[in-house]
Amino acid sequence: MITKEQRQEIVTKYGKNPQDTGSAAVQIALLTARILDLDKHFQRNRTESGNVKDAHSYRGLEKIINQRKSLQKYYKRKNPEGYAELIKSLGLRK
């Protein structure tokens, strides 16, 4: 779970102002933080065969990933330079 302080830090870092929670860059960064947090949860809660125990949350993770993907597509189309900078700072591409 992302704490209030972590959320505010992300908004301050990627937003145009401290109240800017709606821009695509901020939303992508927030979704990335949620994805990383859920990934830690799934790493801790795996069966011996490697399957995920929490199937409902896994489906939610897939929805979040798809939402981030569509936001990335939009942001890349609208602001290619900003997109490249955001991807580099979040470490999404290798």
PDB file of N, CA and C in Angstrom:
ATOM      1  N   MET A   1       0.838  -1.178   0.000  1.00  0.00           N
ATOM      2  CA  MET A   1       0.000   0.000   0.000  1.00  0.00           C
ATOM      3  C   MET A   1       0.883   1.242   0.000  1.00  0.00           C
ATOM      4  N   ILE A   2       0.571   2.167  -0.837  1.00  0.00           N
ATOM      5  CA  ILE A   2       1.341   3.404  -0.920  1.00  0.00           C
ATOM      6  C   ILE A   2       0.857   4.340   0.186  1.00  0.00           C
ATOM      7  N   THR A   3       1.807   4.874   0.944  1.00  0.00           N
ATOM      8  CA  THR A   3       1.429   5.791   2.021  1.00  0.00           C
ATOM      9  C   THR A   3       1.106   7.164   1.447  1.00  0.00           C
ATOM     10  N   LYS A   4       0.471   7.962   2.257  1.00  0.00           N
ATOM     11  CA  LYS A   4       0.087   9.306   1.855  1.00  0.00           C
ATOM     12  C   LYS A   4       1.326  10.145   1.520  1.00  0.00           C
ATOM     13  N   GLU A   5       2.388   9.950   2.290  1.00  0.00           N
ATOM     14  CA  GLU A   5       3.617  10.708   2.073  1.00  0.00           C
ATOM     15  C   GLU A   5       4.285  10.304   0.755  1.00  0.00           C
ATOM     16  N   GLN A   6       4.295   8.997   0.472  1.00  0.00           N
ATOM     17  CA  GLN A   6       4.873   8.526  -0.789  1.00  0.00           C
ATOM     18  C   GLN A   6       4.086   9.072  -1.972  1.00  0.00           C
ATOM     19  N   ARG A   7       2.777   9.078  -1.844  1.00  0.00           N
ATOM     20  CA  ARG A   7       1.918   9.590  -2.910  1.00  0.00           C
ATOM     21  C   ARG A   7       2.180  11.075  -3.155  1.00  0.00           C
ATOM     22  N   GLN A   8       2.283  11.845  -2.068  1.00  0.00           N
ATOM     23  CA  GLN A   8       2.533  13.273  -2.198  1.00  0.00           C
ATOM     24  C   GLN A   8       3.914  13.532  -2.805  1.00  0.00           C
ATOM     25  N   GLU A   9       4.880  12.712  -2.451  1.00  0.00           N
ATOM     26  CA  GLU A   9       6.229  12.846  -3.003  1.00  0.00           C
ATOM     27  C   GLU A   9       6.228  12.617  -4.514  1.00  0.00           C
ATOM     28  N   ILE A  10       5.487  11.613  -4.955  1.00  0.00           N
ATOM     29  CA  ILE A  10       5.384  11.321  -6.391  1.00  0.00           C
ATOM     30  C   ILE A  10       4.688  12.462  -7.121  1.00  0.00           C
ATOM     31  N   VAL A  11       3.610  12.974  -6.539  1.00  0.00           N
ATOM     32  CA  VAL A  11       2.874  14.079  -7.163  1.00  0.00           C
ATOM     33  C   VAL A  11       3.765  15.315  -7.260  1.00  0.00           C
ATOM     34  N   THR A  12       4.538  15.584  -6.214  1.00  0.00           N
ATOM     35  CA  THR A  12       5.422  16.746  -6.220  1.00  0.00           C
ATOM     36  C   THR A  12       6.527  16.584  -7.263  1.00  0.00           C
ATOM     37  N   LYS A  13       7.063  15.383  -7.391  1.00  0.00           N
ATOM     38  CA  LYS A  13       8.168  15.137  -8.309  1.00  0.00           C
ATOM     39  C   LYS A  13       7.736  15.201  -9.771  1.00  0.00           C
ATOM     40  N   TYR A  14       6.599  14.605 -10.108  1.00  0.00           N
ATOM     41  CA  TYR A  14       6.196  14.483 -11.508  1.00  0.00           C
ATOM     42  C   TYR A  14       5.114  15.474 -11.941  1.00  0.00           C
ATOM     43  N   GLY A  15       4.479  16.144 -11.002  1.00  0.00           N
ATOM     44  CA  GLY A  15       3.414  17.066 -11.343  1.00  0.00           C
ATOM     45  C   GLY A  15       3.915  18.461 -11.651  1.00  0.00           C
ATOM     46  N   LYS A  16       3.040  19.262 -12.230  1.00  0.00           N
ATOM     47  CA  LYS A  16       3.381  20.650 -12.530  1.00  0.00           C
ATOM     48  C   LYS A  16       3.332  21.501 -11.273  1.00  0.00           C
ATOM     49  N   ASN A  17       2.457  21.124 -10.348  1.00  0.00           N
ATOM     50  CA  ASN A  17       2.374  21.778  -9.043  1.00  0.00           C
ATOM     51  C   ASN A  17       1.988  20.709  -8.016  1.00  0.00           C
ATOM     52  N   PRO A  18       2.063  21.031  -6.719  1.00  0.00           N
ATOM     53  CA  PRO A  18       1.792  20.003  -5.693  1.00  0.00           C
ATOM     54  C   PRO A  18       0.368  19.435  -5.694  1.00  0.00           C
ATOM     55  N   GLN A  19      -0.577  20.105  -6.350  1.00  0.00           N
ATOM     56  CA  GLN A  19      -1.945  19.595  -6.403  1.00  0.00           C
ATOM     57  C   GLN A  19      -2.265  18.913  -7.726  1.00  0.00           C
ATOM     58  N   ASP A  20      -1.288  18.775  -8.599  1.00  0.00           N
ATOM     59  CA  ASP A  20      -1.502  18.209  -9.931  1.00  0.00           C
ATOM     60  C   ASP A  20      -1.492  16.684  -9.859  1.00  0.00           C
ATOM     61  N   THR A  21      -2.657  16.097  -9.641  1.00  0.00           N
ATOM     62  CA  THR A  21      -2.743  14.639  -9.577  1.00  0.00           C
ATOM     63  C   THR A  21      -3.336  14.054 -10.849  1.00  0.00           C
ATOM     64  N   GLY A  22      -3.750  14.886 -11.772  1.00  0.00           N
ATOM     65  CA  GLY A  22      -4.459  14.395 -12.945  1.00  0.00           C
ATOM     66  C   GLY A  22      -3.633  14.280 -14.198  1.00  0.00           C
ATOM     67  N   SER A  23      -2.438  14.849 -14.237  1.00  0.00           N
ATOM     68  CA  SER A  23      -1.659  14.783 -15.465  1.00  0.00           C
ATOM     69  C   SER A  23      -1.205  13.347 -15.713  1.00  0.00           C
ATOM     70  N   ALA A  24      -0.966  13.050 -16.972  1.00  0.00           N
ATOM     71  CA  ALA A  24      -0.622  11.677 -17.355  1.00  0.00           C
ATOM     72  C   ALA A  24       0.675  11.217 -16.696  1.00  0.00           C
ATOM     73  N   ALA A  25       1.658  12.096 -16.577  1.00  0.00           N
ATOM     74  CA  ALA A  25       2.939  11.718 -15.979  1.00  0.00           C
ATOM     75  C   ALA A  25       2.754  11.301 -14.518  1.00  0.00           C
ATOM     76  N   VAL A  26       1.944  12.041 -13.787  1.00  0.00           N
ATOM     77  CA  VAL A  26       1.699  11.718 -12.376  1.00  0.00           C
ATOM     78  C   VAL A  26       0.936  10.404 -12.266  1.00  0.00           C
ATOM     79  N   GLN A  27      -0.068  10.227 -13.110  1.00  0.00           N
ATOM     80  CA  GLN A  27      -0.844   8.992 -13.056  1.00  0.00           C
ATOM     81  C   GLN A  27       0.006   7.775 -13.385  1.00  0.00           C
ATOM     82  N   ILE A  28       0.896   7.901 -14.372  1.00  0.00           N
ATOM     83  CA  ILE A  28       1.780   6.797 -14.728  1.00  0.00           C
ATOM     84  C   ILE A  28       2.712   6.477 -13.562  1.00  0.00           C
ATOM     85  N   ALA A  29       3.255   7.503 -12.926  1.00  0.00           N
ATOM     86  CA  ALA A  29       4.163   7.292 -11.795  1.00  0.00           C
ATOM     87  C   ALA A  29       3.433   6.648 -10.615  1.00  0.00           C
ATOM     88  N   LEU A  30       2.216   7.087 -10.332  1.00  0.00           N
ATOM     89  CA  LEU A  30       1.445   6.502  -9.237  1.00  0.00           C
ATOM     90  C   LEU A  30       1.078   5.043  -9.521  1.00  0.00           C
ATOM     91  N   LEU A  31       0.676   4.767 -10.750  1.00  0.00           N
ATOM     92  CA  LEU A  31       0.345   3.389 -11.105  1.00  0.00           C
ATOM     93  C   LEU A  31       1.585   2.498 -11.037  1.00  0.00           C
ATOM     94  N   THR A  32       2.737   3.036 -11.421  1.00  0.00           N
ATOM     95  CA  THR A  32       3.983   2.270 -11.329  1.00  0.00           C
ATOM     96  C   THR A  32       4.288   1.931  -9.880  1.00  0.00           C
ATOM     97  N   ALA A  33       4.084   2.878  -8.985  1.00  0.00           N
ATOM     98  CA  ALA A  33       4.332   2.621  -7.562  1.00  0.00           C
ATOM     99  C   ALA A  33       3.386   1.536  -7.043  1.00  0.00           C
ATOM    100  N   ARG A  34       2.120   1.579  -7.461  1.00  0.00           N
ATOM    101  CA  ARG A  34       1.162   0.554  -7.037  1.00  0.00           C
ATOM    102  C   ARG A  34       1.536  -0.813  -7.587  1.00  0.00           C
ATOM    103  N   ILE A  35       1.987  -0.854  -8.837  1.00  0.00           N
ATOM    104  CA  ILE A  35       2.389  -2.115  -9.463  1.00  0.00           C
ATOM    105  C   ILE A  35       3.576  -2.717  -8.719  1.00  0.00           C
ATOM    106  N   LEU A  36       4.560  -1.899  -8.403  1.00  0.00           N
ATOM    107  CA  LEU A  36       5.734  -2.392  -7.681  1.00  0.00           C
ATOM    108  C   LEU A  36       5.352  -2.900  -6.294  1.00  0.00           C
ATOM    109  N   ASP A  37       4.416  -2.210  -5.645  1.00  0.00           N
ATOM    110  CA  ASP A  37       3.967  -2.631  -4.328  1.00  0.00           C
ATOM    111  C   ASP A  37       3.234  -3.977  -4.402  1.00  0.00           C
ATOM    112  N   LEU A  38       2.366  -4.128  -5.389  1.00  0.00           N
ATOM    113  CA  LEU A  38       1.651  -5.396  -5.559  1.00  0.00           C
ATOM    114  C   LEU A  38       2.605  -6.519  -5.949  1.00  0.00           C
ATOM    115  N   ASP A  39       3.629  -6.201  -6.716  1.00  0.00           N
ATOM    116  CA  ASP A  39       4.603  -7.208  -7.098  1.00  0.00           C
ATOM    117  C   ASP A  39       5.318  -7.771  -5.875  1.00  0.00           C
ATOM    118  N   LYS A  40       5.653  -6.905  -4.917  1.00  0.00           N
ATOM    119  CA  LYS A  40       6.258  -7.380  -3.667  1.00  0.00           C
ATOM    120  C   LYS A  40       5.302  -8.321  -2.935  1.00  0.00           C
ATOM    121  N   HIS A  41       4.026  -7.979  -2.921  1.00  0.00           N
ATOM    122  CA  HIS A  41       3.014  -8.808  -2.277  1.00  0.00           C
ATOM    123  C   HIS A  41       2.970 -10.200  -2.915  1.00  0.00           C
ATOM    124  N   PHE A  42       3.001 -10.239  -4.244  1.00  0.00           N
ATOM    125  CA  PHE A  42       2.927 -11.523  -4.937  1.00  0.00           C
ATOM    126  C   PHE A  42       4.208 -12.330  -4.764  1.00  0.00           C
ATOM    127  N   GLN A  43       5.344 -11.678  -4.639  1.00  0.00           N
ATOM    128  CA  GLN A  43       6.589 -12.409  -4.413  1.00  0.00           C
ATOM    129  C   GLN A  43       6.568 -13.112  -3.049  1.00  0.00           C
ATOM    130  N   ARG A  44       5.969 -12.447  -2.064  1.00  0.00           N
ATOM    131  CA  ARG A  44       5.879 -13.039  -0.727  1.00  0.00           C
ATOM    132  C   ARG A  44       4.856 -14.165  -0.660  1.00  0.00           C
ATOM    133  N   ASN A  45       3.810 -14.085  -1.456  1.00  0.00           N
ATOM    134  CA  ASN A  45       2.690 -15.015  -1.347  1.00  0.00           C
ATOM    135  C   ASN A  45       2.567 -15.922  -2.569  1.00  0.00           C
ATOM    136  N   ARG A  46       3.572 -16.722  -2.785  1.00  0.00           N
ATOM    137  CA  ARG A  46       3.543 -17.700  -3.868  1.00  0.00           C
ATOM    138  C   ARG A  46       3.513 -19.103  -3.272  1.00  0.00           C
ATOM    139  N   THR A  47       2.956 -20.026  -4.027  1.00  0.00           N
ATOM    140  CA  THR A  47       2.970 -21.421  -3.599  1.00  0.00           C
ATOM    141  C   THR A  47       4.334 -22.017  -3.938  1.00  0.00           C
ATOM    142  N   GLU A  48       4.547 -23.239  -3.531  1.00  0.00           N
ATOM    143  CA  GLU A  48       5.818 -23.900  -3.807  1.00  0.00           C
ATOM    144  C   GLU A  48       6.045 -24.102  -5.300  1.00  0.00           C
ATOM    145  N   SER A  49       4.981 -24.262  -6.057  1.00  0.00           N
ATOM    146  CA  SER A  49       5.110 -24.446  -7.501  1.00  0.00           C
ATOM    147  C   SER A  49       5.262 -23.119  -8.242  1.00  0.00           C
ATOM    148  N   GLY A  50       5.191 -21.986  -7.510  1.00  0.00           N
ATOM    149  CA  GLY A  50       5.388 -20.676  -8.126  1.00  0.00           C
ATOM    150  C   GLY A  50       4.108 -19.973  -8.523  1.00  0.00           C
ATOM    151  N   ASN A  51       2.952 -20.583  -8.274  1.00  0.00           N
ATOM    152  CA  ASN A  51       1.681 -19.961  -8.618  1.00  0.00           C
ATOM    153  C   ASN A  51       1.318 -18.887  -7.599  1.00  0.00           C
ATOM    154  N   VAL A  52       0.525 -17.931  -8.045  1.00  0.00           N
ATOM    155  CA  VAL A  52       0.065 -16.865  -7.163  1.00  0.00           C
ATOM    156  C   VAL A  52      -1.130 -17.364  -6.369  1.00  0.00           C
ATOM    157  N   LYS A  53      -1.118 -17.130  -5.061  1.00  0.00           N
ATOM    158  CA  LYS A  53      -2.233 -17.563  -4.208  1.00  0.00           C
ATOM    159  C   LYS A  53      -3.434 -16.631  -4.343  1.00  0.00           C
ATOM    160  N   ASP A  54      -3.184 -15.357  -4.537  1.00  0.00           N
ATOM    161  CA  ASP A  54      -4.218 -14.338  -4.506  1.00  0.00           C
ATOM    162  C   ASP A  54      -4.662 -13.982  -5.933  1.00  0.00           C
ATOM    163  N   ALA A  55      -5.520 -14.806  -6.515  1.00  0.00           N
ATOM    164  CA  ALA A  55      -5.909 -14.646  -7.912  1.00  0.00           C
ATOM    165  C   ALA A  55      -6.719 -13.381  -8.155  1.00  0.00           C
ATOM    166  N   HIS A  56      -7.518 -12.966  -7.204  1.00  0.00           N
ATOM    167  CA  HIS A  56      -8.337 -11.770  -7.376  1.00  0.00           C
ATOM    168  C   HIS A  56      -7.464 -10.525  -7.439  1.00  0.00           C
ATOM    169  N   SER A  57      -6.478 -10.457  -6.590  1.00  0.00           N
ATOM    170  CA  SER A  57      -5.565  -9.312  -6.621  1.00  0.00           C
ATOM    171  C   SER A  57      -4.704  -9.338  -7.877  1.00  0.00           C
ATOM    172  N   TYR A  58      -4.396 -10.518  -8.356  1.00  0.00           N
ATOM    173  CA  TYR A  58      -3.601 -10.630  -9.575  1.00  0.00           C
ATOM    174  C   TYR A  58      -4.369 -10.057 -10.763  1.00  0.00           C
ATOM    175  N   ARG A  59      -5.660 -10.292 -10.798  1.00  0.00           N
ATOM    176  CA  ARG A  59      -6.484  -9.725 -11.863  1.00  0.00           C
ATOM    177  C   ARG A  59      -6.499  -8.201 -11.765  1.00  0.00           C
ATOM    178  N   GLY A  60      -6.557  -7.693 -10.530  1.00  0.00           N
ATOM    179  CA  GLY A  60      -6.485  -6.252 -10.325  1.00  0.00           C
ATOM    180  C   GLY A  60      -5.160  -5.683 -10.802  1.00  0.00           C
ATOM    181  N   LEU A  61      -4.082  -6.421 -10.570  1.00  0.00           N
ATOM    182  CA  LEU A  61      -2.766  -5.997 -11.047  1.00  0.00           C
ATOM    183  C   LEU A  61      -2.754  -5.906 -12.564  1.00  0.00           C
ATOM    184  N   GLU A  62      -3.336  -6.876 -13.222  1.00  0.00           N
ATOM    185  CA  GLU A  62      -3.398  -6.846 -14.685  1.00  0.00           C
ATOM    186  C   GLU A  62      -4.181  -5.633 -15.183  1.00  0.00           C
ATOM    187  N   LYS A  63      -5.251  -5.275 -14.485  1.00  0.00           N
ATOM    188  CA  LYS A  63      -6.033  -4.090 -14.873  1.00  0.00           C
ATOM    189  C   LYS A  63      -5.206  -2.813 -14.714  1.00  0.00           C
ATOM    190  N   ILE A  64      -4.438  -2.743 -13.621  1.00  0.00           N
ATOM    191  CA  ILE A  64      -3.600  -1.568 -13.387  1.00  0.00           C
ATOM    192  C   ILE A  64      -2.518  -1.464 -14.460  1.00  0.00           C
ATOM    193  N   ILE A  65      -1.924  -2.594 -14.821  1.00  0.00           N
ATOM    194  CA  ILE A  65      -0.889  -2.602 -15.859  1.00  0.00           C
ATOM    195  C   ILE A  65      -1.462  -2.125 -17.188  1.00  0.00           C
ATOM    196  N   ASN A  66      -2.657  -2.596 -17.541  1.00  0.00           N
ATOM    197  CA  ASN A  66      -3.280  -2.171 -18.799  1.00  0.00           C
ATOM    198  C   ASN A  66      -3.648  -0.701 -18.772  1.00  0.00           C
ATOM    199  N   GLN A  67      -4.081  -0.207 -17.622  1.00  0.00           N
ATOM    200  CA  GLN A  67      -4.402   1.215 -17.498  1.00  0.00           C
ATOM    201  C   GLN A  67      -3.140   2.050 -17.691  1.00  0.00           C
ATOM    202  N   ARG A  68      -2.035   1.618 -17.088  1.00  0.00           N
ATOM    203  CA  ARG A  68      -0.775   2.345 -17.240  1.00  0.00           C
ATOM    204  C   ARG A  68      -0.313   2.306 -18.694  1.00  0.00           C
ATOM    205  N   LYS A  69      -0.502   1.150 -19.336  1.00  0.00           N
ATOM    206  CA  LYS A  69      -0.088   1.020 -20.729  1.00  0.00           C
ATOM    207  C   LYS A  69      -0.836   2.005 -21.627  1.00  0.00           C
ATOM    208  N   SER A  70      -2.127   2.153 -21.408  1.00  0.00           N
ATOM    209  CA  SER A  70      -2.900   3.080 -22.234  1.00  0.00           C
ATOM    210  C   SER A  70      -2.520   4.531 -21.938  1.00  0.00           C
ATOM    211  N   LEU A  71      -2.230   4.845 -20.683  1.00  0.00           N
ATOM    212  CA  LEU A  71      -1.771   6.194 -20.352  1.00  0.00           C
ATOM    213  C   LEU A  71      -0.407   6.479 -20.977  1.00  0.00           C
ATOM    214  N   GLN A  72       0.466   5.477 -20.997  1.00  0.00           N
ATOM    215  CA  GLN A  72       1.777   5.657 -21.614  1.00  0.00           C
ATOM    216  C   GLN A  72       1.633   5.917 -23.110  1.00  0.00           C
ATOM    217  N   LYS A  73       0.738   5.208 -23.748  1.00  0.00           N
ATOM    218  CA  LYS A  73       0.497   5.388 -25.179  1.00  0.00           C
ATOM    219  C   LYS A  73       0.013   6.811 -25.466  1.00  0.00           C
ATOM    220  N   TYR A  74      -0.923   7.285 -24.645  1.00  0.00           N
ATOM    221  CA  TYR A  74      -1.439   8.643 -24.784  1.00  0.00           C
ATOM    222  C   TYR A  74      -0.330   9.674 -24.569  1.00  0.00           C
ATOM    223  N   TYR A  75       0.445   9.503 -23.493  1.00  0.00           N
ATOM    224  CA  TYR A  75       1.481  10.473 -23.146  1.00  0.00           C
ATOM    225  C   TYR A  75       2.581  10.494 -24.202  1.00  0.00           C
ATOM    226  N   LYS A  76       2.899   9.347 -24.757  1.00  0.00           N
ATOM    227  CA  LYS A  76       3.918   9.278 -25.811  1.00  0.00           C
ATOM    228  C   LYS A  76       3.450  10.022 -27.051  1.00  0.00           C
ATOM    229  N   ARG A  77       2.170   9.935 -27.351  1.00  0.00           N
ATOM    230  CA  ARG A  77       1.615  10.619 -28.518  1.00  0.00           C
ATOM    231  C   ARG A  77       1.579  12.130 -28.308  1.00  0.00           C
ATOM    232  N   LYS A  78       1.227  12.570 -27.079  1.00  0.00           N
ATOM    233  CA  LYS A  78       1.068  13.996 -26.801  1.00  0.00           C
ATOM    234  C   LYS A  78       2.384  14.711 -26.491  1.00  0.00           C
ATOM    235  N   ASN A  79       3.315  14.027 -25.819  1.00  0.00           N
ATOM    236  CA  ASN A  79       4.550  14.664 -25.373  1.00  0.00           C
ATOM    237  C   ASN A  79       5.700  13.654 -25.444  1.00  0.00           C
ATOM    238  N   PRO A  80       6.262  13.424 -26.642  1.00  0.00           N
ATOM    239  CA  PRO A  80       7.299  12.396 -26.789  1.00  0.00           C
ATOM    240  C   PRO A  80       8.548  12.656 -25.936  1.00  0.00           C
ATOM    241  N   GLU A  81       8.956  13.925 -25.814  1.00  0.00           N
ATOM    242  CA  GLU A  81      10.150  14.230 -25.018  1.00  0.00           C
ATOM    243  C   GLU A  81       9.896  13.966 -23.535  1.00  0.00           C
ATOM    244  N   GLY A  82       8.753  14.397 -23.052  1.00  0.00           N
ATOM    245  CA  GLY A  82       8.387  14.163 -21.664  1.00  0.00           C
ATOM    246  C   GLY A  82       8.228  12.679 -21.365  1.00  0.00           C
ATOM    247  N   TYR A  83       7.708  11.942 -22.333  1.00  0.00           N
ATOM    248  CA  TYR A  83       7.534  10.499 -22.174  1.00  0.00           C
ATOM    249  C   TYR A  83       8.888   9.811 -22.016  1.00  0.00           C
ATOM    250  N   ALA A  84       9.833  10.176 -22.868  1.00  0.00           N
ATOM    251  CA  ALA A  84      11.165   9.563 -22.800  1.00  0.00           C
ATOM    252  C   ALA A  84      11.822   9.854 -21.457  1.00  0.00           C
ATOM    253  N   GLU A  85      11.673  11.079 -20.985  1.00  0.00           N
ATOM    254  CA  GLU A  85      12.242  11.458 -19.688  1.00  0.00           C
ATOM    255  C   GLU A  85      11.565  10.700 -18.540  1.00  0.00           C
ATOM    256  N   LEU A  86      10.252  10.564 -18.603  1.00  0.00           N
ATOM    257  CA  LEU A  86       9.499   9.861 -17.564  1.00  0.00           C
ATOM    258  C   LEU A  86       9.882   8.386 -17.502  1.00  0.00           C
ATOM    259  N   ILE A  87       9.976   7.753 -18.661  1.00  0.00           N
ATOM    260  CA  ILE A  87      10.336   6.340 -18.725  1.00  0.00           C
ATOM    261  C   ILE A  87      11.725   6.117 -18.136  1.00  0.00           C
ATOM    262  N   LYS A  88      12.631   7.024 -18.459  1.00  0.00           N
ATOM    263  CA  LYS A  88      13.996   6.897 -17.936  1.00  0.00           C
ATOM    264  C   LYS A  88      14.019   7.071 -16.419  1.00  0.00           C
ATOM    265  N   SER A  89      13.284   8.056 -15.904  1.00  0.00           N
ATOM    266  CA  SER A  89      13.301   8.305 -14.453  1.00  0.00           C
ATOM    267  C   SER A  89      12.595   7.193 -13.663  1.00  0.00           C
ATOM    268  N   LEU A  90      11.578   6.565 -14.252  1.00  0.00           N
ATOM    269  CA  LEU A  90      10.882   5.473 -13.580  1.00  0.00           C
ATOM    270  C   LEU A  90      11.582   4.129 -13.788  1.00  0.00           C
ATOM    271  N   GLY A  91      12.469   4.064 -14.771  1.00  0.00           N
ATOM    272  CA  GLY A  91      13.184   2.827 -15.040  1.00  0.00           C
ATOM    273  C   GLY A  91      12.303   1.742 -15.636  1.00  0.00           C
ATOM    274  N   LEU A  92      11.387   2.115 -16.515  1.00  0.00           N
ATOM    275  CA  LEU A  92      10.454   1.141 -17.063  1.00  0.00           C
ATOM    276  C   LEU A  92      11.021   0.362 -18.248  1.00  0.00           C
ATOM    277  N   ARG A  93      11.878   0.972 -19.038  1.00  0.00           N
ATOM    278  CA  ARG A  93      12.466   0.284 -20.188  1.00  0.00           C
ATOM    279  C   ARG A  93      13.912  -0.059 -19.891  1.00  0.00           C
ATOM    280  N   LYS A  94      14.376  -1.121 -20.499  1.00  0.00           N
ATOM    281  CA  LYS A  94      15.777  -1.506 -20.302  1.00  0.00           C
ATOM    282  C   LYS A  94      16.600  -1.183 -21.517  1.00  0.00           C
TER     283      LYS A  94
END
